[in-house]
Amino acid sequence: MSQKKPEITFKYVFNYGYNPTYVNGAQGGFSPRGEMVINFYLERQPLPESISHEITPEGAIGKETGAEPKDLAQSMVRFIDTGVVMSYENARVFHAWMGEKLREVEELSKARNAFENTPAAGQA
């Protein structure tokens, strides 16, 4: 006779404003309290505060004559929309969870590549 192990079910409740955000980088470290602080950002070219154009003799918008800020062409923006703070132990658990998810996608990629590199792959 086998005994059923204790279990718990987590139900996910989403904030009404839940909206996943694309990120392509992160910055952070540990706080003085030993908590991991991670700020996620989207790296992109900046948008100008203003742009000036000539007005042609016909009254149309002509070539660009200036932009603010002046260093716009030499700048990049790291837009931070969200961040997380977690304990050291939760950071370790998150690290292990993410490592497992990366291994899963790598295995799927290997299987896909093996299938695509076999003769007559994907043909019906």
PDB file of N, CA and C in Angstrom:
ATOM      1  N   MET A   1       0.842  -1.164   0.000  1.00  0.00           N
ATOM      2  CA  MET A   1       0.000   0.000   0.000  1.00  0.00           C
ATOM      3  C   MET A   1       0.899   1.243   0.000  1.00  0.00           C
ATOM      4  N   SER A   2       0.678   2.101  -0.979  1.00  0.00           N
ATOM      5  CA  SER A   2       1.503   3.311  -1.060  1.00  0.00           C
ATOM      6  C   SER A   2       0.772   4.469  -0.391  1.00  0.00           C
ATOM      7  N   GLN A   3       1.550   5.290   0.302  1.00  0.00           N
ATOM      8  CA  GLN A   3       0.974   6.458   0.936  1.00  0.00           C
ATOM      9  C   GLN A   3       1.158   7.664   0.020  1.00  0.00           C
ATOM     10  N   LYS A   4       0.120   8.460  -0.080  1.00  0.00           N
ATOM     11  CA  LYS A   4       0.205   9.669  -0.889  1.00  0.00           C
ATOM     12  C   LYS A   4       1.026  10.703  -0.136  1.00  0.00           C
ATOM     13  N   LYS A   5       1.982  11.306  -0.839  1.00  0.00           N
ATOM     14  CA  LYS A   5       2.816  12.336  -0.229  1.00  0.00           C
ATOM     15  C   LYS A   5       1.998  13.615  -0.066  1.00  0.00           C
ATOM     16  N   PRO A   6       2.288  14.396   0.970  1.00  0.00           N
ATOM     17  CA  PRO A   6       1.584  15.678   1.127  1.00  0.00           C
ATOM     18  C   PRO A   6       1.868  16.574  -0.071  1.00  0.00           C
ATOM     19  N   GLU A   7       0.895  17.357  -0.447  1.00  0.00           N
ATOM     20  CA  GLU A   7       1.085  18.275  -1.571  1.00  0.00           C
ATOM     21  C   GLU A   7       0.344  19.566  -1.311  1.00  0.00           C
ATOM     22  N   ILE A   8       0.729  20.593  -2.058  1.00  0.00           N
ATOM     23  CA  ILE A   8       0.073  21.895  -1.986  1.00  0.00           C
ATOM     24  C   ILE A   8      -0.108  22.395  -3.406  1.00  0.00           C
ATOM     25  N   THR A   9      -1.199  23.084  -3.665  1.00  0.00           N
ATOM     26  CA  THR A   9      -1.465  23.663  -4.978  1.00  0.00           C
ATOM     27  C   THR A   9      -1.423  25.174  -4.859  1.00  0.00           C
ATOM     28  N   PHE A  10      -0.629  25.821  -5.718  1.00  0.00           N
ATOM     29  CA  PHE A  10      -0.562  27.275  -5.754  1.00  0.00           C
ATOM     30  C   PHE A  10      -1.442  27.771  -6.875  1.00  0.00           C
ATOM     31  N   LYS A  11      -2.305  28.717  -6.580  1.00  0.00           N
ATOM     32  CA  LYS A  11      -3.126  29.359  -7.595  1.00  0.00           C
ATOM     33  C   LYS A  11      -2.489  30.708  -7.890  1.00  0.00           C
ATOM     34  N   TYR A  12      -2.361  31.047  -9.156  1.00  0.00           N
ATOM     35  CA  TYR A  12      -1.723  32.282  -9.569  1.00  0.00           C
ATOM     36  C   TYR A  12      -2.768  33.382  -9.713  1.00  0.00           C
ATOM     37  N   VAL A  13      -2.542  34.500  -9.057  1.00  0.00           N
ATOM     38  CA  VAL A  13      -3.411  35.662  -9.123  1.00  0.00           C
ATOM     39  C   VAL A  13      -2.605  36.780  -9.763  1.00  0.00           C
ATOM     40  N   PHE A  14      -3.108  37.314 -10.855  1.00  0.00           N
ATOM     41  CA  PHE A  14      -2.404  38.356 -11.590  1.00  0.00           C
ATOM     42  C   PHE A  14      -2.977  39.726 -11.262  1.00  0.00           C
ATOM     43  N   ASN A  15      -2.111  40.688 -11.054  1.00  0.00           N
ATOM     44  CA  ASN A  15      -2.500  42.075 -10.893  1.00  0.00           C
ATOM     45  C   ASN A  15      -3.227  42.490 -12.167  1.00  0.00           C
ATOM     46  N   TYR A  16      -4.268  43.308 -12.047  1.00  0.00           N
ATOM     47  CA  TYR A  16      -5.034  43.749 -13.211  1.00  0.00           C
ATOM     48  C   TYR A  16      -4.131  44.395 -14.259  1.00  0.00           C
ATOM     49  N   GLY A  17      -3.091  45.105 -13.827  1.00  0.00           N
ATOM     50  CA  GLY A  17      -2.192  45.785 -14.748  1.00  0.00           C
ATOM     51  C   GLY A  17      -1.036  44.926 -15.228  1.00  0.00           C
ATOM     52  N   TYR A  18      -1.071  43.602 -14.965  1.00  0.00           N
ATOM     53  CA  TYR A  18       0.023  42.723 -15.381  1.00  0.00           C
ATOM     54  C   TYR A  18       0.265  42.862 -16.875  1.00  0.00           C
ATOM     55  N   ASN A  19       1.506  43.135 -17.219  1.00  0.00           N
ATOM     56  CA  ASN A  19       1.873  43.317 -18.621  1.00  0.00           C
ATOM     57  C   ASN A  19       3.351  42.971 -18.759  1.00  0.00           C
ATOM     58  N   PRO A  20       3.693  41.774 -19.258  1.00  0.00           N
ATOM     59  CA  PRO A  20       5.105  41.407 -19.385  1.00  0.00           C
ATOM     60  C   PRO A  20       5.878  42.451 -20.182  1.00  0.00           C
ATOM     61  N   THR A  21       7.103  42.674 -19.772  1.00  0.00           N
ATOM     62  CA  THR A  21       7.966  43.686 -20.377  1.00  0.00           C
ATOM     63  C   THR A  21       9.191  43.018 -20.970  1.00  0.00           C
ATOM     64  N   TYR A  22       9.554  43.387 -22.200  1.00  0.00           N
ATOM     65  CA  TYR A  22      10.772  42.886 -22.821  1.00  0.00           C
ATOM     66  C   TYR A  22      11.961  43.606 -22.203  1.00  0.00           C
ATOM     67  N   VAL A  23      12.987  42.864 -21.842  1.00  0.00           N
ATOM     68  CA  VAL A  23      14.230  43.447 -21.345  1.00  0.00           C
ATOM     69  C   VAL A  23      15.394  42.823 -22.102  1.00  0.00           C
ATOM     70  N   ASN A  24      16.489  43.571 -22.209  1.00  0.00           N
ATOM     71  CA  ASN A  24      17.681  42.984 -22.827  1.00  0.00           C
ATOM     72  C   ASN A  24      18.917  43.199 -21.967  1.00  0.00           C
ATOM     73  N   GLY A  25      18.696  43.492 -20.688  1.00  0.00           N
ATOM     74  CA  GLY A  25      19.816  43.617 -19.773  1.00  0.00           C
ATOM     75  C   GLY A  25      19.356  43.815 -18.355  1.00  0.00           C
ATOM     76  N   ALA A  26      20.302  43.736 -17.441  1.00  0.00           N
ATOM     77  CA  ALA A  26      20.005  43.935 -16.027  1.00  0.00           C
ATOM     78  C   ALA A  26      21.229  44.515 -15.337  1.00  0.00           C
ATOM     79  N   GLN A  27      20.973  45.245 -14.273  1.00  0.00           N
ATOM     80  CA  GLN A  27      22.031  45.820 -13.450  1.00  0.00           C
ATOM     81  C   GLN A  27      21.612  45.622 -12.009  1.00  0.00           C
ATOM     82  N   GLY A  28      22.547  45.362 -11.144  1.00  0.00           N
ATOM     83  CA  GLY A  28      22.189  45.216  -9.738  1.00  0.00           C
ATOM     84  C   GLY A  28      23.317  44.642  -8.922  1.00  0.00           C
ATOM     85  N   GLY A  29      22.962  44.116  -7.793  1.00  0.00           N
ATOM     86  CA  GLY A  29      23.915  43.554  -6.851  1.00  0.00           C
ATOM     87  C   GLY A  29      23.216  43.307  -5.532  1.00  0.00           C
ATOM     88  N   PHE A  30      23.989  43.227  -4.459  1.00  0.00           N
ATOM     89  CA  PHE A  30      23.410  42.982  -3.153  1.00  0.00           C
ATOM     90  C   PHE A  30      23.290  44.279  -2.364  1.00  0.00           C
ATOM     91  N   SER A  31      22.192  44.425  -1.665  1.00  0.00           N
ATOM     92  CA  SER A  31      21.952  45.585  -0.811  1.00  0.00           C
ATOM     93  C   SER A  31      22.722  45.426   0.496  1.00  0.00           C
ATOM     94  N   PRO A  32      22.804  46.486   1.287  1.00  0.00           N
ATOM     95  CA  PRO A  32      23.469  46.370   2.592  1.00  0.00           C
ATOM     96  C   PRO A  32      22.810  45.329   3.506  1.00  0.00           C
ATOM     97  N   ARG A  33      21.556  44.978   3.252  1.00  0.00           N
ATOM     98  CA  ARG A  33      20.850  43.966   4.047  1.00  0.00           C
ATOM     99  C   ARG A  33      21.071  42.555   3.491  1.00  0.00           C
ATOM    100  N   GLY A  34      21.872  42.437   2.430  1.00  0.00           N
ATOM    101  CA  GLY A  34      22.155  41.128   1.861  1.00  0.00           C
ATOM    102  C   GLY A  34      21.104  40.632   0.892  1.00  0.00           C
ATOM    103  N   GLU A  35      20.220  41.523   0.428  1.00  0.00           N
ATOM    104  CA  GLU A  35      19.191  41.130  -0.531  1.00  0.00           C
ATOM    105  C   GLU A  35      19.683  41.415  -1.949  1.00  0.00           C
ATOM    106  N   MET A  36      19.334  40.537  -2.868  1.00  0.00           N
ATOM    107  CA  MET A  36      19.699  40.714  -4.277  1.00  0.00           C
ATOM    108  C   MET A  36      18.745  41.738  -4.881  1.00  0.00           C
ATOM    109  N   VAL A  37      19.306  42.768  -5.506  1.00  0.00           N
ATOM    110  CA  VAL A  37      18.531  43.809  -6.187  1.00  0.00           C
ATOM    111  C   VAL A  37      18.865  43.713  -7.669  1.00  0.00           C
ATOM    112  N   ILE A  38      17.843  43.509  -8.502  1.00  0.00           N
ATOM    113  CA  ILE A  38      18.046  43.388  -9.947  1.00  0.00           C
ATOM    114  C   ILE A  38      17.130  44.394 -10.633  1.00  0.00           C
ATOM    115  N   ASN A  39      17.712  45.308 -11.391  1.00  0.00           N
ATOM    116  CA  ASN A  39      16.953  46.285 -12.176  1.00  0.00           C
ATOM    117  C   ASN A  39      17.056  45.887 -13.637  1.00  0.00           C
ATOM    118  N   PHE A  40      15.930  45.593 -14.250  1.00  0.00           N
ATOM    119  CA  PHE A  40      15.890  45.168 -15.649  1.00  0.00           C
ATOM    120  C   PHE A  40      15.710  46.382 -16.542  1.00  0.00           C
ATOM    121  N   TYR A  41      16.440  46.397 -17.650  1.00  0.00           N
ATOM    122  CA  TYR A  41      16.342  47.548 -18.547  1.00  0.00           C
ATOM    123  C   TYR A  41      16.208  47.128 -20.000  1.00  0.00           C
ATOM    124  N   LEU A  42      15.710  48.064 -20.799  1.00  0.00           N
ATOM    125  CA  LEU A  42      15.680  47.959 -22.256  1.00  0.00           C
ATOM    126  C   LEU A  42      16.656  48.996 -22.770  1.00  0.00           C
ATOM    127  N   GLU A  43      17.658  48.549 -23.497  1.00  0.00           N
ATOM    128  CA  GLU A  43      18.685  49.448 -24.041  1.00  0.00           C
ATOM    129  C   GLU A  43      18.253  49.888 -25.432  1.00  0.00           C
ATOM    130  N   ARG A  44      18.274  51.197 -25.640  1.00  0.00           N
ATOM    131  CA  ARG A  44      17.843  51.732 -26.936  1.00  0.00           C
ATOM    132  C   ARG A  44      18.469  53.090 -27.167  1.00  0.00           C
ATOM    133  N   GLN A  45      18.325  53.582 -28.392  1.00  0.00           N
ATOM    134  CA  GLN A  45      18.759  54.939 -28.704  1.00  0.00           C
ATOM    135  C   GLN A  45      17.786  55.910 -28.036  1.00  0.00           C
ATOM    136  N   PRO A  46      18.274  57.062 -27.600  1.00  0.00           N
ATOM    137  CA  PRO A  46      17.383  58.019 -26.946  1.00  0.00           C
ATOM    138  C   PRO A  46      16.487  58.740 -27.948  1.00  0.00           C
ATOM    139  N   LEU A  47      15.381  59.217 -27.459  1.00  0.00           N
ATOM    140  CA  LEU A  47      14.509  60.073 -28.261  1.00  0.00           C
ATOM    141  C   LEU A  47      14.840  61.517 -27.914  1.00  0.00           C
ATOM    142  N   PRO A  48      14.778  62.402 -28.884  1.00  0.00           N
ATOM    143  CA  PRO A  48      15.112  63.798 -28.602  1.00  0.00           C
ATOM    144  C   PRO A  48      14.027  64.472 -27.764  1.00  0.00           C
ATOM    145  N   GLU A  49      14.455  65.492 -27.012  1.00  0.00           N
ATOM    146  CA  GLU A  49      13.483  66.344 -26.322  1.00  0.00           C
ATOM    147  C   GLU A  49      12.831  67.270 -27.331  1.00  0.00           C
ATOM    148  N   SER A  50      13.627  67.697 -28.318  1.00  0.00           N
ATOM    149  CA  SER A  50      13.094  68.537 -29.387  1.00  0.00           C
ATOM    150  C   SER A  50      14.009  68.439 -30.605  1.00  0.00           C
ATOM    151  N   ILE A  51      13.435  68.711 -31.768  1.00  0.00           N
ATOM    152  CA  ILE A  51      14.180  68.759 -33.038  1.00  0.00           C
ATOM    153  C   ILE A  51      13.735  70.026 -33.763  1.00  0.00           C
ATOM    154  N   SER A  52      14.706  70.731 -34.355  1.00  0.00           N
ATOM    155  CA  SER A  52      14.399  71.935 -35.134  1.00  0.00           C
ATOM    156  C   SER A  52      14.629  71.642 -36.612  1.00  0.00           C
ATOM    157  N   HIS A  53      13.769  72.216 -37.453  1.00  0.00           N
ATOM    158  CA  HIS A  53      13.866  72.053 -38.904  1.00  0.00           C
ATOM    159  C   HIS A  53      13.778  73.421 -39.570  1.00  0.00           C
ATOM    160  N   GLU A  54      14.404  73.504 -40.736  1.00  0.00           N
ATOM    161  CA  GLU A  54      14.219  74.686 -41.596  1.00  0.00           C
ATOM    162  C   GLU A  54      12.790  74.670 -42.128  1.00  0.00           C
ATOM    163  N   ILE A  55      12.325  75.824 -42.495  1.00  0.00           N
ATOM    164  CA  ILE A  55      11.060  75.926 -43.235  1.00  0.00           C
ATOM    165  C   ILE A  55      11.443  76.319 -44.660  1.00  0.00           C
ATOM    166  N   THR A  56      11.000  75.520 -45.616  1.00  0.00           N
ATOM    167  CA  THR A  56      11.346  75.791 -47.019  1.00  0.00           C
ATOM    168  C   THR A  56      10.578  77.015 -47.520  1.00  0.00           C
ATOM    169  N   PRO A  57      11.022  77.591 -48.661  1.00  0.00           N
ATOM    170  CA  PRO A  57      10.292  78.745 -49.235  1.00  0.00           C
ATOM    171  C   PRO A  57       8.826  78.420 -49.525  1.00  0.00           C
ATOM    172  N   GLU A  58       8.533  77.123 -49.727  1.00  0.00           N
ATOM    173  CA  GLU A  58       7.150  76.725 -49.997  1.00  0.00           C
ATOM    174  C   GLU A  58       6.344  76.567 -48.704  1.00  0.00           C
ATOM    175  N   GLY A  59       7.018  76.722 -47.542  1.00  0.00           N
ATOM    176  CA  GLY A  59       6.324  76.592 -46.266  1.00  0.00           C
ATOM    177  C   GLY A  59       6.307  75.177 -45.706  1.00  0.00           C
ATOM    178  N   ALA A  60       7.073  74.273 -46.315  1.00  0.00           N
ATOM    179  CA  ALA A  60       7.126  72.885 -45.847  1.00  0.00           C
ATOM    180  C   ALA A  60       8.270  72.713 -44.843  1.00  0.00           C
ATOM    181  N   ILE A  61       8.266  71.609 -44.148  1.00  0.00           N
ATOM    182  CA  ILE A  61       9.353  71.302 -43.216  1.00  0.00           C
ATOM    183  C   ILE A  61      10.559  70.861 -44.025  1.00  0.00           C
ATOM    184  N   GLY A  62      11.695  71.518 -43.767  1.00  0.00           N
ATOM    185  CA  GLY A  62      12.929  71.229 -44.485  1.00  0.00           C
ATOM    186  C   GLY A  62      13.871  70.371 -43.659  1.00  0.00           C
ATOM    187  N   LYS A  63      15.168  70.497 -43.929  1.00  0.00           N
ATOM    188  CA  LYS A  63      16.165  69.653 -43.267  1.00  0.00           C
ATOM    189  C   LYS A  63      16.270  69.995 -41.784  1.00  0.00           C
ATOM    190  N   GLU A  64      16.713  69.003 -41.042  1.00  0.00           N
ATOM    191  CA  GLU A  64      16.895  69.156 -39.600  1.00  0.00           C
ATOM    192  C   GLU A  64      18.068  70.096 -39.347  1.00  0.00           C
ATOM    193  N   THR A  65      17.903  71.032 -38.421  1.00  0.00           N
ATOM    194  CA  THR A  65      18.959  71.990 -38.113  1.00  0.00           C
ATOM    195  C   THR A  65      19.532  71.814 -36.712  1.00  0.00           C
ATOM    196  N   GLY A  66      18.851  71.073 -35.869  1.00  0.00           N
ATOM    197  CA  GLY A  66      19.361  70.877 -34.521  1.00  0.00           C
ATOM    198  C   GLY A  66      18.464  69.955 -33.714  1.00  0.00           C
ATOM    199  N   ALA A  67      19.021  69.457 -32.620  1.00  0.00           N
ATOM    200  CA  ALA A  67      18.267  68.585 -31.727  1.00  0.00           C
ATOM    201  C   ALA A  67      18.736  68.810 -30.297  1.00  0.00           C
ATOM    202  N   GLU A  68      17.845  68.606 -29.360  1.00  0.00           N
ATOM    203  CA  GLU A  68      18.180  68.666 -27.931  1.00  0.00           C
ATOM    204  C   GLU A  68      17.899  67.294 -27.327  1.00  0.00           C
ATOM    205  N   PRO A  69      18.770  66.781 -26.537  1.00  0.00           N
ATOM    206  CA  PRO A  69      20.050  67.360 -26.132  1.00  0.00           C
ATOM    207  C   PRO A  69      21.082  67.262 -27.255  1.00  0.00           C
ATOM    208  N   LYS A  70      22.131  68.046 -27.124  1.00  0.00           N
ATOM    209  CA  LYS A  70      23.168  68.127 -28.158  1.00  0.00           C
ATOM    210  C   LYS A  70      23.915  66.803 -28.340  1.00  0.00           C
ATOM    211  N   ASP A  71      24.072  66.024 -27.277  1.00  0.00           N
ATOM    212  CA  ASP A  71      24.828  64.761 -27.355  1.00  0.00           C
ATOM    213  C   ASP A  71      23.950  63.566 -27.737  1.00  0.00           C
ATOM    214  N   LEU A  72      22.806  63.810 -28.341  1.00  0.00           N
ATOM    215  CA  LEU A  72      21.846  62.756 -28.683  1.00  0.00           C
ATOM    216  C   LEU A  72      22.478  61.625 -29.492  1.00  0.00           C
ATOM    217  N   ALA A  73      23.281  61.960 -30.489  1.00  0.00           N
ATOM    218  CA  ALA A  73      23.869  60.945 -31.371  1.00  0.00           C
ATOM    219  C   ALA A  73      24.920  60.087 -30.663  1.00  0.00           C
ATOM    220  N   GLN A  74      25.478  60.573 -29.559  1.00  0.00           N
ATOM    221  CA  GLN A  74      26.506  59.830 -28.819  1.00  0.00           C
ATOM    222  C   GLN A  74      25.944  59.183 -27.547  1.00  0.00           C
ATOM    223  N   SER A  75      24.638  59.152 -27.412  1.00  0.00           N
ATOM    224  CA  SER A  75      24.021  58.647 -26.182  1.00  0.00           C
ATOM    225  C   SER A  75      23.234  57.370 -26.425  1.00  0.00           C
ATOM    226  N   MET A  76      23.073  56.615 -25.354  1.00  0.00           N
ATOM    227  CA  MET A  76      22.188  55.457 -25.326  1.00  0.00           C
ATOM    228  C   MET A  76      21.351  55.569 -24.057  1.00  0.00           C
ATOM    229  N   VAL A  77      20.184  54.973 -24.073  1.00  0.00           N
ATOM    230  CA  VAL A  77      19.290  54.971 -22.918  1.00  0.00           C
ATOM    231  C   VAL A  77      19.154  53.543 -22.420  1.00  0.00           C
ATOM    232  N   ARG A  78      19.221  53.382 -21.114  1.00  0.00           N
ATOM    233  CA  ARG A  78      18.861  52.122 -20.480  1.00  0.00           C
ATOM    234  C   ARG A  78      17.595  52.419 -19.681  1.00  0.00           C
ATOM    235  N   PHE A  79      16.456  52.120 -20.289  1.00  0.00           N
ATOM    236  CA  PHE A  79      15.162  52.408 -19.688  1.00  0.00           C
ATOM    237  C   PHE A  79      14.822  51.316 -18.693  1.00  0.00           C
ATOM    238  N   ILE A  80      14.699  51.688 -17.437  1.00  0.00           N
ATOM    239  CA  ILE A  80      14.392  50.727 -16.379  1.00  0.00           C
ATOM    240  C   ILE A  80      12.913  50.831 -16.060  1.00  0.00           C
ATOM    241  N   ASP A  81      12.187  49.757 -16.343  1.00  0.00           N
ATOM    242  CA  ASP A  81      10.748  49.728 -16.103  1.00  0.00           C
ATOM    243  C   ASP A  81      10.409  48.925 -14.855  1.00  0.00           C
ATOM    244  N   THR A  82      11.263  47.980 -14.519  1.00  0.00           N
ATOM    245  CA  THR A  82      10.954  47.127 -13.374  1.00  0.00           C
ATOM    246  C   THR A  82      12.225  46.602 -12.737  1.00  0.00           C
ATOM    247  N   GLY A  83      12.092  46.199 -11.525  1.00  0.00           N
ATOM    248  CA  GLY A  83      13.195  45.604 -10.789  1.00  0.00           C
ATOM    249  C   GLY A  83      12.633  44.630  -9.768  1.00  0.00           C
ATOM    250  N   VAL A  84      13.490  43.805  -9.237  1.00  0.00           N
ATOM    251  CA  VAL A  84      13.077  42.857  -8.202  1.00  0.00           C
ATOM    252  C   VAL A  84      14.103  42.879  -7.077  1.00  0.00           C
ATOM    253  N   VAL A  85      13.613  42.575  -5.891  1.00  0.00           N
ATOM    254  CA  VAL A  85      14.469  42.432  -4.718  1.00  0.00           C
ATOM    255  C   VAL A  85      14.139  41.078  -4.121  1.00  0.00           C
ATOM    256  N   MET A  86      15.171  40.277  -3.847  1.00  0.00           N
ATOM    257  CA  MET A  86      14.928  38.958  -3.259  1.00  0.00           C
ATOM    258  C   MET A  86      16.044  38.615  -2.284  1.00  0.00           C
ATOM    259  N   SER A  87      15.721  37.708  -1.395  1.00  0.00           N
ATOM    260  CA  SER A  87      16.716  37.274  -0.422  1.00  0.00           C
ATOM    261  C   SER A  87      17.800  36.454  -1.125  1.00  0.00           C
ATOM    262  N   TYR A  88      18.924  36.290  -0.430  1.00  0.00           N
ATOM    263  CA  TYR A  88      20.014  35.471  -0.960  1.00  0.00           C
ATOM    264  C   TYR A  88      19.509  34.064  -1.282  1.00  0.00           C
ATOM    265  N   GLU A  89      18.757  33.472  -0.353  1.00  0.00           N
ATOM    266  CA  GLU A  89      18.258  32.103  -0.575  1.00  0.00           C
ATOM    267  C   GLU A  89      17.314  32.051  -1.778  1.00  0.00           C
ATOM    268  N   ASN A  90      16.426  33.025  -1.909  1.00  0.00           N
ATOM    269  CA  ASN A  90      15.534  33.051  -3.068  1.00  0.00           C
ATOM    270  C   ASN A  90      16.312  33.273  -4.357  1.00  0.00           C
ATOM    271  N   ALA A  91      17.394  34.060  -4.308  1.00  0.00           N
ATOM    272  CA  ALA A  91      18.237  34.249  -5.487  1.00  0.00           C
ATOM    273  C   ALA A  91      18.860  32.917  -5.904  1.00  0.00           C
ATOM    274  N   ARG A  92      19.295  32.110  -4.933  1.00  0.00           N
ATOM    275  CA  ARG A  92      19.867  30.788  -5.236  1.00  0.00           C
ATOM    276  C   ARG A  92      18.817  29.879  -5.876  1.00  0.00           C
ATOM    277  N   VAL A  93      17.595  29.893  -5.348  1.00  0.00           N
ATOM    278  CA  VAL A  93      16.509  29.072  -5.900  1.00  0.00           C
ATOM    279  C   VAL A  93      16.168  29.547  -7.314  1.00  0.00           C
ATOM    280  N   PHE A  94      16.089  30.875  -7.506  1.00  0.00           N
ATOM    281  CA  PHE A  94      15.805  31.437  -8.822  1.00  0.00           C
ATOM    282  C   PHE A  94      16.890  31.045  -9.825  1.00  0.00           C
ATOM    283  N   HIS A  95      18.145  31.106  -9.390  1.00  0.00           N
ATOM    284  CA  HIS A  95      19.276  30.724 -10.236  1.00  0.00           C
ATOM    285  C   HIS A  95      19.138  29.266 -10.687  1.00  0.00           C
ATOM    286  N   ALA A  96      18.810  28.388  -9.758  1.00  0.00           N
ATOM    287  CA  ALA A  96      18.640  26.966 -10.099  1.00  0.00           C
ATOM    288  C   ALA A  96      17.460  26.778 -11.047  1.00  0.00           C
ATOM    289  N   TRP A  97      16.353  27.474 -10.786  1.00  0.00           N
ATOM    290  CA  TRP A  97      15.162  27.363 -11.635  1.00  0.00           C
ATOM    291  C   TRP A  97      15.481  27.842 -13.052  1.00  0.00           C
ATOM    292  N   MET A  98      16.154  28.993 -13.164  1.00  0.00           N
ATOM    293  CA  MET A  98      16.494  29.508 -14.489  1.00  0.00           C
ATOM    294  C   MET A  98      17.461  28.573 -15.207  1.00  0.00           C
ATOM    295  N   GLY A  99      18.430  28.010 -14.484  1.00  0.00           N
ATOM    296  CA  GLY A  99      19.351  27.049 -15.093  1.00  0.00           C
ATOM    297  C   GLY A  99      18.612  25.847 -15.658  1.00  0.00           C
ATOM    298  N   GLU A 100      17.615  25.362 -14.919  1.00  0.00           N
ATOM    299  CA  GLU A 100      16.819  24.217 -15.391  1.00  0.00           C
ATOM    300  C   GLU A 100      16.036  24.597 -16.647  1.00  0.00           C
ATOM    301  N   LYS A 101      15.438  25.785 -16.674  1.00  0.00           N
ATOM    302  CA  LYS A 101      14.676  26.224 -17.854  1.00  0.00           C
ATOM    303  C   LYS A 101      15.599  26.381 -19.066  1.00  0.00           C
ATOM    304  N   LEU A 102      16.816  26.876 -18.845  1.00  0.00           N
ATOM    305  CA  LEU A 102      17.772  26.998 -19.953  1.00  0.00           C
ATOM    306  C   LEU A 102      18.181  25.626 -20.476  1.00  0.00           C
ATOM    307  N   ARG A 103      18.382  24.664 -19.572  1.00  0.00           N
ATOM    308  CA  ARG A 103      18.704  23.290 -20.019  1.00  0.00           C
ATOM    309  C   ARG A 103      17.556  22.704 -20.844  1.00  0.00           C
ATOM    310  N   GLU A 104      16.313  22.973 -20.431  1.00  0.00           N
ATOM    311  CA  GLU A 104      15.151  22.473 -21.179  1.00  0.00           C
ATOM    312  C   GLU A 104      15.132  23.033 -22.602  1.00  0.00           C
ATOM    313  N   VAL A 105      15.346  24.335 -22.751  1.00  0.00           N
ATOM    314  CA  VAL A 105      15.295  24.924 -24.094  1.00  0.00           C
ATOM    315  C   VAL A 105      16.484  24.460 -24.931  1.00  0.00           C
ATOM    316  N   GLU A 106      17.635  24.223 -24.301  1.00  0.00           N
ATOM    317  CA  GLU A 106      18.791  23.700 -25.036  1.00  0.00           C
ATOM    318  C   GLU A 106      18.510  22.294 -25.552  1.00  0.00           C
ATOM    319  N   GLU A 107      17.852  21.473 -24.743  1.00  0.00           N
ATOM    320  CA  GLU A 107      17.495  20.116 -25.189  1.00  0.00           C
ATOM    321  C   GLU A 107      16.495  20.167 -26.339  1.00  0.00           C
ATOM    322  N   LEU A 108      15.523  21.068 -26.256  1.00  0.00           N
ATOM    323  CA  LEU A 108      14.562  21.229 -27.357  1.00  0.00           C
ATOM    324  C   LEU A 108      15.272  21.678 -28.632  1.00  0.00           C
ATOM    325  N   SER A 109      16.222  22.576 -28.488  1.00  0.00           N
ATOM    326  CA  SER A 109      16.975  23.066 -29.642  1.00  0.00           C
ATOM    327  C   SER A 109      17.797  21.939 -30.271  1.00  0.00           C
ATOM    328  N   LYS A 110      18.427  21.123 -29.441  1.00  0.00           N
ATOM    329  CA  LYS A 110      19.199  19.984 -29.962  1.00  0.00           C
ATOM    330  C   LYS A 110      18.297  19.014 -30.711  1.00  0.00           C
ATOM    331  N   ALA A 111      17.124  18.723 -30.143  1.00  0.00           N
ATOM    332  CA  ALA A 111      16.184  17.807 -30.801  1.00  0.00           C
ATOM    333  C   ALA A 111      15.707  18.392 -32.128  1.00  0.00           C
ATOM    334  N   ARG A 112      15.414  19.689 -32.161  1.00  0.00           N
ATOM    335  CA  ARG A 112      14.958  20.332 -33.394  1.00  0.00           C
ATOM    336  C   ARG A 112      16.052  20.275 -34.449  1.00  0.00           C
ATOM    337  N   ASN A 113      17.292  20.583 -34.047  1.00  0.00           N
ATOM    338  CA  ASN A 113      18.405  20.550 -35.000  1.00  0.00           C
ATOM    339  C   ASN A 113      18.642  19.136 -35.522  1.00  0.00           C
ATOM    340  N   ALA A 114      18.551  18.145 -34.654  1.00  0.00           N
ATOM    341  CA  ALA A 114      18.734  16.755 -35.089  1.00  0.00           C
ATOM    342  C   ALA A 114      17.655  16.374 -36.092  1.00  0.00           C
ATOM    343  N   PHE A 115      16.415  16.781 -35.836  1.00  0.00           N
ATOM    344  CA  PHE A 115      15.315  16.476 -36.747  1.00  0.00           C
ATOM    345  C   PHE A 115      15.514  17.173 -38.086  1.00  0.00           C
ATOM    346  N   GLU A 116      15.883  18.451 -38.045  1.00  0.00           N
ATOM    347  CA  GLU A 116      16.038  19.218 -39.278  1.00  0.00           C
ATOM    348  C   GLU A 116      17.230  18.755 -40.102  1.00  0.00           C
ATOM    349  N   ASN A 117      18.209  18.089 -39.476  1.00  0.00           N
ATOM    350  CA  ASN A 117      19.398  17.650 -40.202  1.00  0.00           C
ATOM    351  C   ASN A 117      19.320  16.196 -40.638  1.00  0.00           C
ATOM    352  N   THR A 118      18.146  15.577 -40.470  1.00  0.00           N
ATOM    353  CA  THR A 118      17.991  14.210 -40.964  1.00  0.00           C
ATOM    354  C   THR A 118      17.443  14.265 -42.396  1.00  0.00           C
ATOM    355  N   PRO A 119      17.767  13.263 -43.217  1.00  0.00           N
ATOM    356  CA  PRO A 119      17.239  13.251 -44.582  1.00  0.00           C
ATOM    357  C   PRO A 119      15.711  13.284 -44.570  1.00  0.00           C
ATOM    358  N   ALA A 120      15.134  14.061 -45.431  1.00  0.00           N
ATOM    359  CA  ALA A 120      13.686  14.185 -45.591  1.00  0.00           C
ATOM    360  C   ALA A 120      13.014  14.744 -44.337  1.00  0.00           C
ATOM    361  N   ALA A 121      13.726  15.536 -43.566  1.00  0.00           N
ATOM    362  CA  ALA A 121      13.166  16.087 -42.336  1.00  0.00           C
ATOM    363  C   ALA A 121      12.004  17.003 -42.659  1.00  0.00           C
ATOM    364  N   GLY A 122      10.938  16.797 -41.921  1.00  0.00           N
ATOM    365  CA  GLY A 122       9.792  17.671 -42.042  1.00  0.00           C
ATOM    366  C   GLY A 122       8.974  17.506 -43.310  1.00  0.00           C
ATOM    367  N   GLN A 123       9.309  16.532 -44.136  1.00  0.00           N
ATOM    368  CA  GLN A 123       8.534  16.343 -45.371  1.00  0.00           C
ATOM    369  C   GLN A 123       7.480  15.272 -45.161  1.00  0.00           C
ATOM    370  N   ALA A 124       6.318  15.501 -45.710  1.00  0.00           N
ATOM    371  CA  ALA A 124       5.237  14.526 -45.579  1.00  0.00           C
ATOM    372  C   ALA A 124       4.985  13.858 -46.903  1.00  0.00           C
TER     373      ALA A 124
END
